[in-house]
Protein backbone atom coordinates (compact mmCIF):
# COMPACT_ATOMS: atom_id res chain seq x y z
CA UNK A 1 94.64 93.93 151.48
CA UNK A 2 98.35 94.29 151.79
CA UNK A 3 99.41 97.92 152.27
CA UNK A 4 103.08 98.85 152.01
CA UNK A 5 105.62 100.90 150.15
CA UNK A 6 107.55 98.89 147.59
CA UNK A 7 111.23 99.67 147.33
CA UNK A 8 112.91 97.52 144.77
CA UNK A 9 116.57 98.04 143.82
CA UNK A 10 117.20 97.91 140.10
CA UNK A 11 120.51 96.22 140.87
CA UNK A 12 121.70 94.10 143.82
CA UNK A 13 123.61 95.47 146.77
CA UNK A 14 126.75 93.78 145.43
CA UNK A 15 126.84 96.34 142.62
CA UNK A 16 125.88 99.25 144.85
CA UNK A 17 123.19 100.82 142.66
CA UNK A 18 121.02 103.17 144.68
CA UNK A 19 118.19 103.58 142.14
CA UNK A 20 114.88 102.55 143.78
CA UNK A 21 111.30 102.16 142.61
CA UNK A 22 108.73 103.39 145.15
CA UNK A 23 105.05 102.53 144.70
CA UNK A 24 102.43 104.58 146.60
CA UNK A 25 99.87 102.98 148.85
CA UNK A 26 96.27 102.62 147.64
CA UNK A 27 93.70 102.41 150.40
CA UNK A 28 91.25 99.55 150.92
CA UNK A 29 88.36 101.96 150.38
CA UNK A 30 89.56 102.96 146.93
CA UNK A 31 90.01 99.31 145.98
CA UNK A 32 86.58 98.41 147.35
CA UNK A 33 84.96 101.32 145.51
CA UNK A 34 86.55 100.07 142.28
CA UNK A 35 85.03 96.64 142.82
CA UNK A 36 81.63 98.21 143.56
CA UNK A 37 81.88 100.25 140.35
CA UNK A 38 82.70 97.10 138.40
CA UNK A 39 79.71 95.29 139.88
CA UNK A 40 77.47 98.21 138.90
CA UNK A 41 78.81 98.17 135.34
CA UNK A 42 78.30 94.42 135.07
CA UNK A 43 74.72 94.81 136.30
CA UNK A 44 74.12 97.55 133.72
CA UNK A 45 75.59 95.31 131.00
CA UNK A 46 73.28 92.44 131.95
CA UNK A 47 70.20 94.69 131.98
CA UNK A 48 71.13 96.11 128.58
CA UNK A 49 71.66 92.58 127.29
CA UNK A 50 68.16 91.62 128.52
CA UNK A 51 66.67 94.66 126.76
CA UNK A 52 68.48 93.74 123.59
CA UNK A 53 67.09 90.21 123.75
CA UNK A 54 63.54 91.54 124.09
CA UNK A 55 64.12 93.92 121.17
CA UNK A 56 65.35 91.04 119.03
CA UNK A 57 62.37 88.87 119.97
CA UNK A 58 60.02 91.70 118.97
CA UNK A 59 61.90 92.08 115.71
CA UNK A 60 61.55 88.34 114.99
CA UNK A 61 57.81 88.60 115.55
CA UNK A 62 57.59 91.50 113.12
CA UNK A 63 59.52 89.50 110.54
CA UNK A 64 57.03 86.65 110.93
CA UNK A 65 54.14 89.10 110.49
CA UNK A 66 55.71 90.34 107.28
CA UNK A 67 55.55 86.83 105.81
CA UNK A 68 51.97 87.42 104.61
CA UNK A 69 53.30 90.11 102.32
CA UNK A 70 55.79 87.81 100.59
CA UNK A 71 55.16 86.10 97.26
CA UNK A 72 52.48 86.85 94.66
CA UNK A 73 49.65 86.97 97.18
CA UNK A 74 51.67 89.29 99.38
CA UNK A 75 52.23 91.58 96.40
CA UNK A 76 48.48 92.31 96.19
CA UNK A 77 48.24 92.64 99.99
CA UNK A 78 50.98 95.30 99.91
CA UNK A 79 49.42 97.27 97.09
CA UNK A 80 45.71 96.77 97.55
CA UNK A 81 44.05 94.90 100.37
CA UNK A 82 46.29 95.50 103.40
CA UNK A 83 48.40 98.42 102.29
CA UNK A 84 47.92 100.40 105.51
CA UNK A 85 48.89 97.41 107.65
CA UNK A 86 51.96 96.83 105.49
CA UNK A 87 53.11 100.44 105.85
CA UNK A 88 52.64 100.27 109.63
CA UNK A 89 54.63 97.03 109.70
CA UNK A 90 57.44 98.59 107.68
CA UNK A 91 57.63 101.49 110.15
CA UNK A 92 57.66 99.08 113.10
CA UNK A 93 60.49 97.09 111.54
CA UNK A 94 62.52 100.26 110.98
CA UNK A 95 61.95 101.36 114.58
CA UNK A 96 62.87 97.89 115.87
CA UNK A 97 66.11 97.88 113.89
CA UNK A 98 66.98 101.30 115.27
CA UNK A 99 66.23 100.17 118.83
CA UNK A 100 68.41 97.07 118.41
CA UNK A 101 71.25 99.22 117.07
CA UNK A 102 70.90 101.57 120.05
CA UNK A 103 71.03 98.73 122.58
CA UNK A 104 74.05 97.23 120.82
CA UNK A 105 75.83 100.57 121.07
CA UNK A 106 74.98 100.81 124.75
CA UNK A 107 76.28 97.31 125.36
CA UNK A 108 79.51 98.08 123.52
CA UNK A 109 80.01 101.27 125.54
CA UNK A 110 79.35 99.49 128.84
CA UNK A 111 81.65 96.64 127.77
CA UNK A 112 84.47 99.11 127.15
CA UNK A 113 83.81 100.73 130.53
CA UNK A 114 83.97 97.30 132.17
CA UNK A 115 87.37 96.62 130.59
CA UNK A 116 88.64 100.01 131.77
CA UNK A 117 87.39 99.30 135.26
CA UNK A 118 88.97 95.84 135.31
CA UNK A 119 92.28 97.45 134.38
CA UNK A 120 91.86 100.10 137.08
CA UNK A 121 91.25 97.40 139.69
CA UNK A 122 94.37 95.59 138.53
CA UNK A 123 96.35 98.83 138.67
CA UNK A 124 95.03 99.63 142.17
CA UNK A 125 96.01 96.13 143.31
CA UNK A 126 99.46 96.58 141.78
CA UNK A 127 99.96 99.90 143.53
CA UNK A 128 98.98 98.40 146.86
CA UNK A 129 101.44 95.53 146.40
CA UNK A 130 98.90 92.78 145.71
CA UNK A 131 100.60 91.59 142.52
CA UNK A 132 98.72 88.28 142.29
CA UNK A 133 95.37 90.09 142.20
CA UNK A 134 96.76 92.67 139.80
CA UNK A 135 97.90 89.94 137.38
CA UNK A 136 94.55 88.21 137.69
CA UNK A 137 92.64 91.34 136.69
CA UNK A 138 95.09 92.40 133.99
CA UNK A 139 94.59 88.99 132.37
CA UNK A 140 90.82 89.50 132.41
CA UNK A 141 90.97 92.60 130.21
CA UNK A 142 89.65 91.91 126.71
CA UNK A 143 91.13 92.55 124.29
CA UNK A 144 94.43 92.36 126.15
CA UNK A 145 96.85 94.82 124.56
CA UNK A 146 100.40 96.07 125.09
CA UNK A 147 99.51 98.02 128.23
CA UNK A 148 98.06 95.00 130.03
CA UNK A 149 100.85 92.63 128.94
CA UNK A 150 103.46 95.16 130.02
CA UNK A 151 101.86 95.57 133.46
CA UNK A 152 101.63 91.77 133.87
CA UNK A 153 105.36 91.52 133.20
CA UNK A 154 106.06 94.30 135.71
CA UNK A 155 103.92 92.62 138.35
CA UNK A 156 105.68 89.28 137.89
CA UNK A 157 108.98 91.14 138.24
CA UNK A 158 107.90 92.95 141.40
CA UNK A 159 106.57 89.68 142.83
CA UNK A 160 109.97 88.08 142.28
CA UNK A 161 108.83 85.68 139.54
CA UNK A 162 111.57 86.80 137.16
CA UNK A 163 111.30 83.92 134.72
CA UNK A 164 107.61 84.59 134.10
CA UNK A 165 108.30 88.33 133.86
CA UNK A 166 110.87 87.77 131.11
CA UNK A 167 108.43 85.51 129.25
CA UNK A 168 105.80 88.28 129.22
CA UNK A 169 108.28 91.01 128.24
CA UNK A 170 109.58 88.84 125.40
CA UNK A 171 106.04 88.65 124.01
CA UNK A 172 106.02 92.43 123.54
CA UNK A 173 107.51 94.60 120.81
CA UNK A 174 111.16 94.62 121.85
CA UNK A 175 111.91 97.59 119.63
CA UNK A 176 110.85 99.82 122.54
CA UNK A 177 113.03 101.41 125.17
CA UNK A 178 110.59 100.70 128.02
CA UNK A 179 110.45 96.98 127.19
CA UNK A 180 114.23 96.66 126.93
CA UNK A 181 114.68 98.61 130.15
CA UNK A 182 112.28 96.31 132.03
CA UNK A 183 114.07 93.26 130.63
CA UNK A 184 117.34 94.69 131.89
CA UNK A 185 115.84 95.51 135.28
CA UNK A 186 114.38 92.01 135.62
CA UNK A 187 117.65 90.30 134.74
CA UNK A 188 119.49 92.54 137.19
CA UNK A 189 117.16 91.56 140.04
CA UNK A 190 117.54 87.94 138.92
CA UNK A 191 121.34 88.26 139.26
CA UNK A 192 121.73 87.51 135.55
CA UNK A 193 123.90 90.53 135.02
CA UNK A 194 125.28 89.67 131.60
CA UNK A 195 121.73 89.54 130.25
CA UNK A 196 120.94 92.76 132.09
CA UNK A 197 123.91 94.52 130.53
CA UNK A 198 122.85 93.33 127.07
CA UNK A 199 119.35 94.72 127.54
CA UNK A 200 120.53 98.05 128.96
CA UNK A 201 123.07 98.31 126.13
CA UNK A 202 120.24 98.00 123.61
CA UNK A 203 118.49 100.92 125.31
CA UNK A 204 121.51 103.22 125.05
CA UNK A 205 122.46 102.12 121.53
CA UNK A 206 118.99 102.17 119.93
CA UNK A 207 117.05 104.86 121.82
CA UNK A 208 119.38 107.83 122.04
CA UNK A 209 117.71 110.81 123.66
CA UNK A 210 114.98 108.96 125.56
CA UNK A 211 114.61 109.42 129.32
CA UNK A 212 115.24 105.71 129.86
CA UNK A 213 118.46 105.94 127.88
CA UNK A 214 119.83 108.27 130.56
CA UNK A 215 118.87 105.83 133.32
CA UNK A 216 120.23 102.83 131.43
CA UNK A 217 123.49 104.67 130.79
CA UNK A 218 123.86 105.46 134.49
CA UNK A 219 123.31 101.81 135.36
CA UNK A 220 125.82 100.65 132.74
CA UNK A 221 128.39 103.07 134.15
CA UNK A 222 127.83 101.57 137.59
CA UNK A 223 128.32 98.09 136.16
CA UNK A 224 131.45 99.22 134.34
CA UNK A 225 133.00 100.76 137.43
CA UNK A 226 132.35 97.80 139.71
CA UNK A 227 132.69 94.76 137.47
CA UNK A 228 134.71 93.35 134.64
CA UNK A 229 132.38 93.22 131.66
CA UNK A 230 134.69 93.03 128.67
CA UNK A 231 134.70 96.20 126.59
CA UNK A 232 131.50 97.54 128.15
CA UNK A 233 133.29 100.88 128.23
CA UNK A 234 133.06 100.97 124.41
CA UNK A 235 129.27 100.78 124.56
CA UNK A 236 129.21 103.61 127.10
CA UNK A 237 131.69 105.66 125.06
CA UNK A 238 129.57 105.21 121.91
CA UNK A 239 126.48 106.34 123.82
CA UNK A 240 128.19 109.51 125.05
CA UNK A 241 129.60 110.19 121.58
CA UNK A 242 126.10 109.90 120.13
CA UNK A 243 124.76 112.26 122.78
CA UNK A 244 127.54 114.73 121.96
CA UNK A 245 126.93 114.77 118.24
CA UNK A 246 123.12 114.80 118.63
CA UNK A 247 123.33 117.79 120.99
CA UNK A 248 125.96 119.71 119.00
CA UNK A 249 123.51 122.30 117.61
CA UNK A 250 121.07 122.50 120.52
CA UNK A 251 123.41 122.75 123.55
CA UNK A 252 127.08 122.85 122.57
CA UNK A 253 128.43 123.13 126.14
CA UNK A 254 126.49 120.07 127.26
CA UNK A 255 127.57 118.26 124.10
CA UNK A 256 131.25 119.04 124.92
CA UNK A 257 130.79 117.51 128.37
CA UNK A 258 129.36 114.33 126.80
CA UNK A 259 132.24 114.28 124.31
CA UNK A 260 134.85 114.57 127.06
CA UNK A 261 133.19 111.75 128.96
CA UNK A 262 133.26 109.56 125.85
CA UNK A 263 136.94 110.29 125.40
CA UNK A 264 137.62 109.48 129.04
CA UNK A 265 136.17 106.01 128.52
CA UNK A 266 138.13 105.57 125.29
CA UNK A 267 141.33 106.78 126.98
CA UNK A 268 142.21 103.28 128.17
CA UNK A 269 142.85 102.39 124.54
CA UNK A 270 145.25 105.34 124.20
CA UNK A 271 147.53 105.16 127.22
CA UNK A 272 144.84 106.64 129.48
CA UNK A 273 144.90 109.92 127.54
CA UNK A 274 141.51 111.39 126.67
CA UNK A 275 143.24 113.92 124.44
CA UNK A 276 144.94 111.10 122.54
CA UNK A 277 141.59 109.36 122.12
CA UNK A 278 140.10 112.59 120.79
CA UNK A 279 143.00 113.06 118.37
CA UNK A 280 142.51 109.49 117.14
CA UNK A 281 138.79 110.13 116.65
CA UNK A 282 139.59 113.28 114.66
CA UNK A 283 142.07 111.31 112.52
CA UNK A 284 139.39 108.67 111.88
CA UNK A 285 136.84 111.33 110.94
CA UNK A 286 139.37 112.83 108.53
CA UNK A 287 140.06 109.40 107.06
CA UNK A 288 136.32 108.71 106.75
CA UNK A 289 135.87 111.93 104.77
CA UNK A 290 138.81 111.06 102.49
CA UNK A 291 137.35 107.61 101.87
CA UNK A 292 133.90 109.03 101.24
CA UNK A 293 135.33 111.46 98.68
CA UNK A 294 137.25 108.67 96.96
CA UNK A 295 134.13 106.52 96.78
CA UNK A 296 132.16 109.48 95.42
CA UNK A 297 134.71 109.95 92.63
CA UNK A 298 134.45 106.26 91.78
CA UNK A 299 130.68 106.41 91.81
CA UNK A 300 130.65 109.49 89.56
CA UNK A 301 132.41 107.37 86.94
CA UNK A 302 130.11 104.44 87.65
CA UNK A 303 127.09 106.74 87.32
CA UNK A 304 128.11 107.83 83.83
CA UNK A 305 128.69 104.21 82.84
CA UNK A 306 125.29 103.33 84.30
CA UNK A 307 123.68 106.09 82.27
CA UNK A 308 125.33 104.89 79.05
CA UNK A 309 124.11 101.34 79.70
CA UNK A 310 120.63 102.61 80.41
CA UNK A 311 120.62 104.75 77.25
CA UNK A 312 121.97 101.90 75.09
CA UNK A 313 119.38 99.54 76.51
CA UNK A 314 116.57 102.01 75.78
CA UNK A 315 117.91 102.55 72.26
CA UNK A 316 118.13 98.81 71.64
CA UNK A 317 114.55 98.35 72.84
CA UNK A 318 113.43 101.14 70.52
CA UNK A 319 115.17 99.56 67.52
CA UNK A 320 113.57 96.21 68.30
CA UNK A 321 110.15 97.82 68.69
CA UNK A 322 110.51 99.66 65.38
CA UNK A 323 111.55 96.46 63.65
CA UNK A 324 108.51 94.66 65.08
CA UNK A 325 106.29 97.54 63.96
CA UNK A 326 107.69 97.48 60.42
CA UNK A 327 107.13 93.73 60.28
CA UNK A 328 103.57 94.17 61.54
CA UNK A 329 102.90 96.83 58.88
CA UNK A 330 104.33 94.56 56.18
CA UNK A 331 102.21 91.63 57.37
CA UNK A 332 99.20 93.95 57.46
CA UNK A 333 99.82 94.98 53.85
CA UNK A 334 100.14 91.33 52.83
CA UNK A 335 96.96 90.42 54.65
CA UNK A 336 95.22 93.30 52.89
CA UNK A 337 96.37 92.07 49.47
CA UNK A 338 95.14 88.59 50.32
CA UNK A 339 91.76 89.98 51.40
CA UNK A 340 91.43 91.93 48.13
CA UNK A 341 92.44 88.90 46.11
CA UNK A 342 89.94 86.72 47.99
CA UNK A 343 87.13 89.25 47.42
CA UNK A 344 87.93 89.47 43.67
CA UNK A 345 88.06 85.69 43.35
CA UNK A 346 84.74 85.31 45.14
CA UNK A 347 83.17 87.92 42.87
CA UNK A 348 84.30 85.97 39.77
CA UNK A 349 83.19 82.66 41.21
CA UNK A 350 79.71 83.88 42.15
CA UNK A 351 79.38 85.69 38.80
CA UNK A 352 80.11 82.40 36.99
CA UNK A 353 77.70 80.56 39.28
CA UNK A 354 75.01 83.16 38.68
CA UNK A 355 75.27 82.83 34.89
CA UNK A 356 75.23 79.07 35.12
CA UNK A 357 72.14 78.96 37.37
CA UNK A 358 70.28 81.44 35.12
CA UNK A 359 70.95 79.28 32.07
CA UNK A 360 69.76 76.19 33.92
CA UNK A 361 66.67 77.98 35.22
CA UNK A 362 67.65 77.50 38.84
CA UNK A 363 66.28 80.81 40.06
CA UNK A 364 66.73 80.29 43.80
CA UNK A 365 70.40 79.36 43.47
CA UNK A 366 70.88 82.20 40.99
CA UNK A 367 69.47 84.75 43.45
CA UNK A 368 71.72 83.45 46.23
CA UNK A 369 74.80 83.64 43.98
CA UNK A 370 73.86 87.18 43.02
CA UNK A 371 73.54 88.21 46.68
CA UNK A 372 76.96 86.75 47.48
CA UNK A 373 78.48 88.45 44.45
CA UNK A 374 77.08 91.82 45.57
CA UNK A 375 78.32 91.17 49.17
CA UNK A 376 81.91 90.65 47.99
CA UNK A 377 81.68 93.61 45.62
CA UNK A 378 80.72 95.79 48.58
CA UNK A 379 83.50 94.26 50.64
CA UNK A 380 86.01 94.94 47.87
CA UNK A 381 84.86 98.54 47.66
CA UNK A 382 85.25 98.88 51.43
CA UNK A 383 88.75 97.40 51.36
CA UNK A 384 89.90 99.69 48.56
CA UNK A 385 88.46 102.82 50.19
CA UNK A 386 89.97 102.00 53.62
CA UNK A 387 93.28 100.45 52.64
CA UNK A 388 95.54 102.66 54.80
CA UNK A 389 93.29 102.51 57.87
CA UNK A 390 93.01 98.71 57.73
CA UNK A 391 96.74 98.21 57.46
CA UNK A 392 97.38 100.86 60.15
CA UNK A 393 94.96 99.25 62.60
CA UNK A 394 96.43 95.79 62.07
CA UNK A 395 99.74 97.03 63.55
CA UNK A 396 98.15 98.91 66.47
CA UNK A 397 99.68 96.75 69.23
CA UNK A 398 103.21 96.94 67.85
CA UNK A 399 102.81 100.67 67.21
CA UNK A 400 101.89 101.26 70.86
CA UNK A 401 104.90 99.21 71.94
CA UNK A 402 107.09 101.29 69.64
CA UNK A 403 105.66 104.55 71.02
CA UNK A 404 106.27 103.38 74.59
CA UNK A 405 109.84 102.41 73.72
CA UNK A 406 110.38 105.79 72.07
CA UNK A 407 109.02 107.60 75.14
CA UNK A 408 111.34 105.58 77.38
CA UNK A 409 114.32 106.35 75.20
CA UNK A 410 113.52 110.08 75.16
CA UNK A 411 113.12 110.12 78.94
CA UNK A 412 116.57 108.61 79.36
CA UNK A 413 118.05 110.83 76.66
CA UNK A 414 116.74 114.07 78.15
CA UNK A 415 117.27 113.20 81.83
CA UNK A 416 120.97 112.46 81.88
CA UNK A 417 121.66 114.93 84.68
CA UNK A 418 118.87 113.65 86.94
CA UNK A 419 119.73 109.98 86.37
CA UNK A 420 123.38 110.54 87.21
CA UNK A 421 122.48 112.76 90.19
CA UNK A 422 120.09 110.19 91.62
CA UNK A 423 122.73 107.49 91.25
CA UNK A 424 125.39 109.40 93.21
CA UNK A 425 123.00 111.07 95.70
CA UNK A 426 123.56 108.47 98.48
CA UNK A 427 127.34 108.87 98.16
CA UNK A 428 127.03 112.66 98.25
CA UNK A 429 125.01 112.34 101.45
CA UNK A 430 127.74 110.18 102.97
CA UNK A 431 130.33 112.83 102.05
CA UNK A 432 128.16 115.54 103.61
CA UNK A 433 127.74 113.52 106.80
CA UNK A 434 131.46 112.72 106.95
CA UNK A 435 132.37 116.38 106.47
CA UNK A 436 129.91 117.48 109.18
CA UNK A 437 131.24 114.80 111.53
CA UNK A 438 134.81 115.97 110.88
CA UNK A 439 133.89 119.60 111.58
CA UNK A 440 132.10 118.68 114.79
CA UNK A 441 134.93 116.44 115.94
CA UNK A 442 137.42 119.20 115.24
CA UNK A 443 135.39 121.71 117.30
CA UNK A 444 134.95 119.21 120.12
CA UNK A 445 138.65 118.43 120.09
CA UNK A 446 139.71 122.08 120.22
CA UNK A 447 137.13 123.05 122.86
CA UNK A 448 137.66 120.05 125.14
CA UNK A 449 141.41 119.61 124.82
CA UNK A 450 142.67 122.77 123.11
CA UNK A 451 144.07 120.70 120.24
């Protein structure tokens, strides 16, 4: 087993970066013990698997024995002839199911331990510099998650296979500072410094406050001082500005130092004067506040117009719903009249038929006509007694629509203040942020440059 300390520069000698990664040595005995532990776990897993197989075979036999209790004949066996045997069989099946569940749990636990041990072997190999073995074991972990994929990428990087390292890092969630930092580190070792700068820039722009942001910022400053990456100083200046404003309340003195450093980088745009850069930043902050206030005024007007449109729309919907309800009530009244007319007509018709059948001595038909006449008389009585309810129920759907429209209108009518406030809230927040930024910039400017 290869034993050595690994010292890998994050950047090449040409750029003079002194940051090094040192990996401690792991002894052969530790590595060997890890392999022995893995072998023991695998043996335990196999024994547990054998036990599980026996349990399942016993369970299958019990299921076959229960077959005599199925069907009609089995019904009498369960209740009468072999009831004791059936109860014993039920208990055995329950115990067998429990035993199978226990063995499955043991297997799962051992399986998880095996995966942990495989990872530990890979990690031990990585620490001792045997990256090929480390990658081999990391790839064996199932399921293979972020941790294993990340370590595989690192091992490929440390082994000098930068292309493969980038492929593995690209497979990961790149919205993480550690992934972006490793991508930058890999590209730097690969002498693809433009790609490295892009990756490090993402760390400092998207992960302000992280420990890796500090390291990435230091590396970018080294690049900026010893190379000619166009406008890289702006990225660095933005990072220091963000650090200054983020640390304004927690550590003002440290925030002032970050602010001054940001202005020093921006100075090249202002005749190499950090004070001039700070004054320009203050002027921009003042302008941003003025613009935010102007937009807020415009949006206050727009909010009132929005409210009027919303109220008019709700009122229009209410009028339409009321019209539909009135039409439904009218149609219900007409339908009621038609039902009454139909019942009266049927009563007259069956009365005439009844008299005719009686005169002709057709008793059966006469009885049927009399029953129908009485049915429609009862229906007519019901209609007359329940006129309002019948018409009311016929318009139920439109009435519910009208009530909903009325509720919506009242909500808009009585929530004018909240509706307008919600509309302008984002613009008020922008004004608040702009005012806070102006105040902070002013304090930074006075403290750092006495302006």
